[in-house]
Protein backbone atom coordinates (compact mmCIF):
# COMPACT_ATOMS: atom_id res chain seq x y z
CA UNK A 1 0.00 0.00 0.00
CA UNK A 2 2.84 2.41 0.79
CA UNK A 3 4.18 1.96 -2.74
CA UNK A 4 0.87 2.92 -4.38
CA UNK A 5 1.14 6.52 -5.65
CA UNK A 6 -2.58 7.06 -4.90
CA UNK A 7 -2.01 6.45 -1.18
CA UNK A 8 -1.17 9.67 0.66
CA UNK A 9 -1.72 8.48 4.22
CA UNK A 10 -1.42 4.98 5.67
CA UNK A 11 -2.70 4.15 9.15
CA UNK A 12 -1.64 0.84 10.67
CA UNK A 13 -3.57 -0.63 13.60
CA UNK A 14 -3.19 -3.66 15.83
CA UNK A 15 -3.61 -4.43 19.51
CA UNK A 16 0.13 -3.87 20.18
CA UNK A 17 3.45 -3.13 18.50
CA UNK A 18 2.10 -1.20 15.57
CA UNK A 19 4.03 2.07 16.06
CA UNK A 20 7.30 0.17 15.52
CA UNK A 21 6.01 -1.49 12.36
CA UNK A 22 4.77 1.89 11.12
CA UNK A 23 8.24 3.37 11.68
CA UNK A 24 9.76 0.58 9.58
CA UNK A 25 7.19 1.01 6.79
CA UNK A 26 7.71 4.78 6.80
CA UNK A 27 11.26 4.23 5.55
CA UNK A 28 9.91 3.08 2.17
CA UNK A 29 10.79 6.00 -0.10
CA UNK A 30 7.36 7.35 -1.07
CA UNK A 31 5.41 10.49 -0.21
CA UNK A 32 2.75 8.61 1.79
CA UNK A 33 2.74 9.41 5.49
CA UNK A 34 2.56 6.42 7.87
CA UNK A 35 1.34 6.33 11.45
CA UNK A 36 0.85 3.38 13.77
CA UNK A 37 -1.97 2.99 16.26
CA UNK A 38 -2.26 0.38 19.00
CA UNK A 39 -5.05 -0.68 21.34
CA UNK A 40 -8.76 -0.01 21.55
CA UNK A 41 -8.25 3.61 22.63
CA UNK A 42 -6.54 4.44 19.31
CA UNK A 43 -8.84 2.54 16.93
CA UNK A 44 -11.03 5.56 16.20
CA UNK A 45 -8.00 7.68 15.33
CA UNK A 46 -6.68 4.94 13.04
CA UNK A 47 -9.98 4.84 11.14
CA UNK A 48 -10.55 8.62 10.95
CA UNK A 49 -11.13 9.73 7.34
CA UNK A 50 -10.26 6.27 5.98
CA UNK A 51 -11.38 5.60 2.40
CA UNK A 52 -10.29 1.94 2.46
CA UNK A 53 -9.88 -0.48 5.37
CA UNK A 54 -7.98 -3.74 4.92
CA UNK A 55 -8.09 -6.43 7.60
CA UNK A 56 -5.20 -8.74 6.63
CA UNK A 57 -5.11 -11.33 9.40
CA UNK A 58 -6.23 -12.49 12.82
CA UNK A 59 -4.99 -14.67 15.62
CA UNK A 60 -2.97 -17.68 14.38
CA UNK A 61 -4.18 -21.17 15.21
CA UNK A 62 -2.45 -22.55 18.29
CA UNK A 63 -1.78 -26.22 19.14
CA UNK A 64 -4.93 -27.91 20.39
CA UNK A 65 -7.18 -25.18 19.02
CA UNK A 66 -10.05 -26.35 16.84
CA UNK A 67 -11.11 -24.50 13.71
CA UNK A 68 -14.29 -23.55 15.55
CA UNK A 69 -12.21 -22.03 18.37
CA UNK A 70 -10.14 -20.08 15.86
CA UNK A 71 -13.24 -18.88 14.00
CA UNK A 72 -14.86 -17.72 17.24
CA UNK A 73 -11.81 -15.68 18.25
CA UNK A 74 -11.15 -14.16 14.83
CA UNK A 75 -14.87 -13.60 14.24
CA UNK A 76 -15.02 -11.57 17.44
CA UNK A 77 -12.00 -9.52 16.35
CA UNK A 78 -13.50 -8.81 12.94
CA UNK A 79 -16.89 -7.98 14.50
CA UNK A 80 -15.29 -5.36 16.73
CA UNK A 81 -13.37 -3.83 13.83
CA UNK A 82 -16.41 -3.75 11.55
CA UNK A 83 -18.48 -2.08 14.26
CA UNK A 84 -15.80 0.58 14.67
CA UNK A 85 -15.61 1.09 10.92
CA UNK A 86 -19.38 1.51 10.60
């Protein structure tokens, strides 16, 4: 996304660690500005004025976890994000 010339601002969000990832991505030599947001308190700021929202992943499957368990966890994560987006 940072390499796309149509992207002027890129907001990255996750529950933790995102500001560091955003700093790394910001070193890609394009004009797009990058900012990282972490935690529920910053979700609204991450979504402010967004034209496109991409949800690339969820919690990885852990040993002993059923597919139903994984779906329930990731479904809850996506539900919360979609509610914030709406």
